[in-house]
C-alpha atoms as a PDB file:
ATOM      1  CA  MET A   1      68.153  70.242  88.813  1.00  0.00           C
ATOM      2  CA  ASN A   2      69.949  72.469  91.304  1.00  0.00           C
ATOM      3  CA  THR A   3      73.168  73.819  89.761  1.00  0.00           C
ATOM      4  CA  ASN A   4      74.139  76.079  92.691  1.00  0.00           C
ATOM      5  CA  ARG A   5      77.668  75.240  93.841  1.00  0.00           C
ATOM      6  CA  LEU A   6      77.663  77.823  96.619  1.00  0.00           C
ATOM      7  CA  SER A   7      76.608  77.029 100.154  1.00  0.00           C
ATOM      8  CA  LYS A   8      73.864  79.239 101.533  1.00  0.00           C
ATOM      9  CA  SER A   9      76.364  80.894 103.899  1.00  0.00           C
ATOM     10  CA  ILE A  10      78.848  81.709 101.132  1.00  0.00           C
ATOM     11  CA  GLU A  11      76.098  82.834  98.761  1.00  0.00           C
ATOM     12  CA  SER A  12      74.797  85.155 101.475  1.00  0.00           C
ATOM     13  CA  ALA A  13      78.288  86.480 102.280  1.00  0.00           C
ATOM     14  CA  LEU A  14      79.008  87.155  98.603  1.00  0.00           C
ATOM     15  CA  ASN A  15      75.688  88.940  98.148  1.00  0.00           C
ATOM     16  CA  HIS A  16      76.443  91.031 101.227  1.00  0.00           C
ATOM     17  CA  GLN A  17      79.898  91.895  99.861  1.00  0.00           C
ATOM     18  CA  MET A  18      78.366  92.810  96.521  1.00  0.00           C
ATOM     19  CA  THR A  19      76.214  95.320  98.415  1.00  0.00           C
ATOM     20  CA  ASN A  20      79.301  96.551 100.303  1.00  0.00           C
ATOM     21  CA  GLU A  21      81.026  97.257  96.997  1.00  0.00           C
ATOM     22  CA  ALA A  22      77.981  99.163  95.716  1.00  0.00           C
ATOM     23  CA  ALA A  23      77.946 101.181  98.944  1.00  0.00           C
ATOM     24  CA  ALA A  24      81.679 101.870  98.565  1.00  0.00           C
ATOM     25  CA  SER A  25      81.007 103.228  95.099  1.00  0.00           C
ATOM     26  CA  GLN A  26      78.423 105.611  96.550  1.00  0.00           C
ATOM     27  CA  ILE A  27      80.833 106.719  99.275  1.00  0.00           C
ATOM     28  CA  TYR A  28      83.500 107.605  96.723  1.00  0.00           C
ATOM     29  CA  LEU A  29      80.874 109.302  94.581  1.00  0.00           C
ATOM     30  CA  SER A  30      79.649 111.339  97.544  1.00  0.00           C
ATOM     31  CA  TYR A  31      83.151 112.345  98.634  1.00  0.00           C
ATOM     32  CA  GLY A  32      84.014 113.204  95.031  1.00  0.00           C
ATOM     33  CA  ALA A  33      80.986 115.481  94.788  1.00  0.00           C
ATOM     34  CA  TRP A  34      81.985 117.083  98.089  1.00  0.00           C
ATOM     35  CA  ALA A  35      85.536 117.681  96.805  1.00  0.00           C
ATOM     36  CA  GLU A  36      84.276 119.136  93.506  1.00  0.00           C
ATOM     37  CA  HIS A  37      81.878 121.427  95.365  1.00  0.00           C
ATOM     38  CA  HIS A  38      84.843 122.780  97.349  1.00  0.00           C
ATOM     39  CA  GLY A  39      86.925 123.422  94.230  1.00  0.00           C
ATOM     40  CA  TYR A  40      89.133 120.335  94.347  1.00  0.00           C
ATOM     41  CA  GLY A  41      88.547 119.054  90.828  1.00  0.00           C
ATOM     42  CA  GLY A  42      91.629 116.817  90.773  1.00  0.00           C
ATOM     43  CA  ILE A  43      90.703 115.126  94.032  1.00  0.00           C
ATOM     44  CA  ALA A  44      87.110 114.800  92.807  1.00  0.00           C
ATOM     45  CA  ASN A  45      88.330 113.183  89.584  1.00  0.00           C
ATOM     46  CA  PHE A  46      90.408 110.713  91.600  1.00  0.00           C
ATOM     47  CA  LEU A  47      87.440 109.866  93.840  1.00  0.00           C
ATOM     48  CA  PHE A  48      85.036 109.548  90.891  1.00  0.00           C
ATOM     49  CA  ARG A  49      87.405 107.077  89.236  1.00  0.00           C
ATOM     50  CA  HIS A  50      87.438 105.056  92.445  1.00  0.00           C
ATOM     51  CA  ALA A  51      83.645 105.103  92.556  1.00  0.00           C
ATOM     52  CA  GLN A  52      83.672 103.371  89.175  1.00  0.00           C
ATOM     53  CA  GLU A  53      86.309 100.903  90.332  1.00  0.00           C
ATOM     54  CA  GLU A  54      84.154  99.884  93.308  1.00  0.00           C
ATOM     55  CA  ARG A  55      81.212  99.379  90.972  1.00  0.00           C
ATOM     56  CA  ASN A  56      83.416  97.103  88.867  1.00  0.00           C
ATOM     57  CA  HIS A  57      84.215  95.107  92.005  1.00  0.00           C
ATOM     58  CA  MET A  58      80.491  94.739  92.620  1.00  0.00           C
ATOM     59  CA  MET A  59      80.030  93.384  89.096  1.00  0.00           C
ATOM     60  CA  LYS A  60      82.852  90.853  89.544  1.00  0.00           C
ATOM     61  CA  ILE A  61      81.082  89.417  92.579  1.00  0.00           C
ATOM     62  CA  LEU A  62      77.689  89.446  90.874  1.00  0.00           C
ATOM     63  CA  GLU A  63      79.136  87.553  87.903  1.00  0.00           C
ATOM     64  CA  PHE A  64      80.893  85.028  90.148  1.00  0.00           C
ATOM     65  CA  ILE A  65      77.675  84.250  92.009  1.00  0.00           C
ATOM     66  CA  LEU A  66      75.917  83.678  88.696  1.00  0.00           C
ATOM     67  CA  LYS A  67      78.748  81.529  87.301  1.00  0.00           C
ATOM     68  CA  ARG A  68      78.539  79.300  90.378  1.00  0.00           C
ATOM     69  CA  GLY A  69      74.785  78.878  89.918  1.00  0.00           C
ATOM     70  CA  GLY A  70      73.937  81.074  92.861  1.00  0.00           C
ATOM     71  CA  ASP A  71      71.087  83.484  93.368  1.00  0.00           C
ATOM     72  CA  VAL A  72      72.052  87.163  93.213  1.00  0.00           C
ATOM     73  CA  LYS A  73      70.212  89.345  95.705  1.00  0.00           C
ATOM     74  CA  VAL A  74      70.404  93.024  94.872  1.00  0.00           C
ATOM     75  CA  ALA A  75      69.788  94.861  98.121  1.00  0.00           C
ATOM     76  CA  ALA A  76      69.322  98.484  99.030  1.00  0.00           C
ATOM     77  CA  ILE A  77      72.503 100.262  99.982  1.00  0.00           C
ATOM     78  CA  PRO A  78      72.817 102.607 102.910  1.00  0.00           C
ATOM     79  CA  ALA A  79      73.360 106.299 102.348  1.00  0.00           C
ATOM     80  CA  PRO A  80      76.996 107.389 102.442  1.00  0.00           C
ATOM     81  CA  PRO A  81      78.255 108.722 105.766  1.00  0.00           C
ATOM     82  CA  THR A  82      78.445 112.440 106.419  1.00  0.00           C
ATOM     83  CA  ASN A  83      80.638 114.484 104.135  1.00  0.00           C
ATOM     84  CA  PRO A  84      84.243 115.023 105.124  1.00  0.00           C
ATOM     85  CA  THR A  85      85.168 118.170 106.999  1.00  0.00           C
ATOM     86  CA  SER A  86      88.515 118.618 105.228  1.00  0.00           C
ATOM     87  CA  ILE A  87      90.753 116.976 102.646  1.00  0.00           C
ATOM     88  CA  ASN A  88      92.669 115.297 105.457  1.00  0.00           C
ATOM     89  CA  ASN A  89      89.421 114.023 106.970  1.00  0.00           C
ATOM     90  CA  CYS A  90      88.277 112.829 103.541  1.00  0.00           C
ATOM     91  CA  PHE A  91      91.243 110.524 103.129  1.00  0.00           C
ATOM     92  CA  GLU A  92      91.111 109.403 106.760  1.00  0.00           C
ATOM     93  CA  LYS A  93      87.532 108.297 106.046  1.00  0.00           C
ATOM     94  CA  VAL A  94      88.621 106.624 102.789  1.00  0.00           C
ATOM     95  CA  PHE A  95      91.334 104.689 104.615  1.00  0.00           C
ATOM     96  CA  ALA A  96      88.989 103.602 107.429  1.00  0.00           C
ATOM     97  CA  HIS A  97      86.435 102.469 104.859  1.00  0.00           C
ATOM     98  CA  GLU A  98      89.031 100.425 102.966  1.00  0.00           C
ATOM     99  CA  VAL A  99      90.167  98.730 106.182  1.00  0.00           C
ATOM    100  CA  ASP A 100      86.542  97.821 106.970  1.00  0.00           C
ATOM    101  CA  ASN A 101      86.147  96.431 103.457  1.00  0.00           C
ATOM    102  CA  THR A 102      89.330  94.389 103.842  1.00  0.00           C
ATOM    103  CA  ASN A 103      87.992  92.842 107.032  1.00  0.00           C
ATOM    104  CA  ALA A 104      84.726  91.921 105.281  1.00  0.00           C
ATOM    105  CA  ILE A 105      86.679  90.247 102.481  1.00  0.00           C
ATOM    106  CA  TYR A 106      88.813  88.344 104.978  1.00  0.00           C
ATOM    107  CA  LYS A 107      85.640  86.916 106.517  1.00  0.00           C
ATOM    108  CA  ILE A 108      84.605  85.507 103.133  1.00  0.00           C
ATOM    109  CA  VAL A 109      88.093  84.092 102.602  1.00  0.00           C
ATOM    110  CA  LYS A 110      87.966  82.385 106.011  1.00  0.00           C
ATOM    111  CA  LEU A 111      84.464  81.066 105.392  1.00  0.00           C
ATOM    112  CA  SER A 112      85.529  79.712 101.997  1.00  0.00           C
ATOM    113  CA  HIS A 113      88.523  77.994 103.563  1.00  0.00           C
ATOM    114  CA  ASP A 114      86.495  76.583 106.445  1.00  0.00           C
ATOM    115  CA  GLU A 115      83.901  75.177 104.035  1.00  0.00           C
ATOM    116  CA  GLY A 116      86.457  73.893 101.552  1.00  0.00           C
ATOM    117  CA  ASP A 117      85.007  76.039  98.752  1.00  0.00           C
ATOM    118  CA  TRP A 118      88.233  76.323  96.803  1.00  0.00           C
ATOM    119  CA  ALA A 119      86.640  78.118  93.853  1.00  0.00           C
ATOM    120  CA  THR A 120      85.423  80.960  96.060  1.00  0.00           C
ATOM    121  CA  LEU A 121      88.689  80.991  97.995  1.00  0.00           C
ATOM    122  CA  ASN A 122      90.603  81.339  94.739  1.00  0.00           C
ATOM    123  CA  PHE A 123      88.225  84.026  93.443  1.00  0.00           C
ATOM    124  CA  MET A 124      88.546  86.051  96.639  1.00  0.00           C
ATOM    125  CA  GLN A 125      92.350  86.138  96.401  1.00  0.00           C
ATOM    126  CA  TRP A 126      92.013  88.820  93.731  1.00  0.00           C
ATOM    127  CA  PHE A 127      90.093  90.941  96.240  1.00  0.00           C
ATOM    128  CA  VAL A 128      92.683  90.313  98.960  1.00  0.00           C
ATOM    129  CA  LYS A 129      95.422  91.629  96.659  1.00  0.00           C
ATOM    130  CA  GLU A 130      93.214  94.523  95.563  1.00  0.00           C
ATOM    131  CA  GLN A 131      92.594  95.551  99.176  1.00  0.00           C
ATOM    132  CA  VAL A 132      96.322  95.601  99.925  1.00  0.00           C
ATOM    133  CA  GLU A 133      96.670  98.012  97.013  1.00  0.00           C
ATOM    134  CA  GLU A 134      93.661 100.093  98.100  1.00  0.00           C
ATOM    135  CA  GLU A 135      94.913 100.440 101.676  1.00  0.00           C
ATOM    136  CA  THR A 136      98.428 101.264 100.463  1.00  0.00           C
ATOM    137  CA  LEU A 137      97.080 103.925  98.124  1.00  0.00           C
ATOM    138  CA  ALA A 138      95.031 105.491 100.913  1.00  0.00           C
ATOM    139  CA  MET A 139      98.019 105.416 103.298  1.00  0.00           C
ATOM    140  CA  ASN A 140     100.234 107.029 100.647  1.00  0.00           C
ATOM    141  CA  LEU A 141      97.676 109.812 100.196  1.00  0.00           C
ATOM    142  CA  LEU A 142      97.483 110.348 103.940  1.00  0.00           C
ATOM    143  CA  ASP A 143     101.291 110.582 104.002  1.00  0.00           C
ATOM    144  CA  LYS A 144     101.210 113.240 101.259  1.00  0.00           C
ATOM    145  CA  ILE A 145      98.585 115.207 103.162  1.00  0.00           C
ATOM    146  CA  LYS A 146     100.622 114.878 106.363  1.00  0.00           C
ATOM    147  CA  ILE A 147     103.698 116.258 104.566  1.00  0.00           C
ATOM    148  CA  ALA A 148     101.532 119.107 103.249  1.00  0.00           C
ATOM    149  CA  GLY A 149     100.498 119.942 106.819  1.00  0.00           C
ATOM    150  CA  GLY A 150      97.579 117.591 107.513  1.00  0.00           C
ATOM    151  CA  GLU A 151      94.628 119.533 108.877  1.00  0.00           C
ATOM    152  CA  LYS A 152      96.761 122.701 108.770  1.00  0.00           C
ATOM    153  CA  ALA A 153      97.723 122.368 105.093  1.00  0.00           C
ATOM    154  CA  ASN A 154      97.544 125.748 103.401  1.00  0.00           C
ATOM    155  CA  ASN A 155      95.835 126.522 100.111  1.00  0.00           C
ATOM    156  CA  ASN A 156      99.056 126.283  98.085  1.00  0.00           C
ATOM    157  CA  GLU A 157      99.777 122.807  99.415  1.00  0.00           C
ATOM    158  CA  LEU A 158      96.196 121.665  98.856  1.00  0.00           C
ATOM    159  CA  TYR A 159      96.283 123.090  95.342  1.00  0.00           C
ATOM    160  CA  ALA A 160      99.435 121.082  94.577  1.00  0.00           C
ATOM    161  CA  LEU A 161      97.852 117.940  96.021  1.00  0.00           C
ATOM    162  CA  ASP A 162      94.707 118.539  93.986  1.00  0.00           C
ATOM    163  CA  ARG A 163      96.761 118.871  90.796  1.00  0.00           C
ATOM    164  CA  ASP A 164      98.747 115.698  91.629  1.00  0.00           C
ATOM    165  CA  LEU A 165      95.648 113.613  92.260  1.00  0.00           C
ATOM    166  CA  GLU A 166      94.144 114.563  88.935  1.00  0.00           C
ATOM    167  CA  THR A 167      96.730 112.303  87.259  1.00  0.00           C
ATOM    168  CA  THR A 168      97.768 109.979  90.102  1.00  0.00           C
ATOM    169  CA  PRO A 169      97.471 106.326  89.091  1.00  0.00           C
ATOM    170  CA  ASP A 170      94.474 104.579  90.586  1.00  0.00           C
ATOM    171  CA  ASP A 171      96.494 101.789  92.093  1.00  0.00           C
ATOM    172  CA  ALA A 172      99.570 101.370  94.234  1.00  0.00           C
ATOM    173  CA  LYS A 173     102.478  99.129  93.378  1.00  0.00           C
ATOM    174  CA  SER A 174     101.964  95.699  94.868  1.00  0.00           C
ATOM    175  CA  ALA A 175     104.597  94.405  97.282  1.00  0.00           C
ATOM    176  CA  GLN A 176     104.781  91.255  95.138  1.00  0.00           C
ATOM    177  CA  ASP A 177     105.918  93.391  92.184  1.00  0.00           C
ATOM    178  CA  VAL A 178     108.816  95.059  94.003  1.00  0.00           C
ATOM    179  CA  THR A 179     112.400  93.940  93.337  1.00  0.00           C
ATOM    180  CA  THR A 180     115.789  95.366  94.230  1.00  0.00           C
ATOM    181  CA  ASP A 181     115.974  96.697  90.665  1.00  0.00           C
ATOM    182  CA  LYS A 182     112.483  98.215  90.805  1.00  0.00           C
ATOM    183  CA  PRO A 183     111.706  99.266  94.397  1.00  0.00           C
END
């Protein structure tokens, strides 16, 4: 008896996204190692934590595929892109990667809607919200770097940023959670 409640197209898209999340984990891991190598332990710690978060996202998708009776396909992941050239460049790359990931998630949401797969559509809403937070966090970091001088930030400013990121929360406040009392 076939218990798979995922269409072949959705199963394939979810497996592809699972691989995307694994690749994202490797990107954060690579950038974290780069930052640590250059003496930015706080930034490295932040990036290493995000590597783990991306791996958790991968596991959520893997588990969902299994719970829907689908067939998980663990695929090879591509090598991370070239290392950043600066802290500013690092977070520009992080932001661009998160935007790409958002667009991939939106494709699954649209496919789920088009196929009337309400379970997958509902499941993917968590990822939609998560990506808003991820993009916001990356934009906020780019703003901090811009204030510090962007590509021309001096060592004192980068040191302060490094120290801040060591303890910066791993998520940004969601727009849905904002009120006039708690902006």
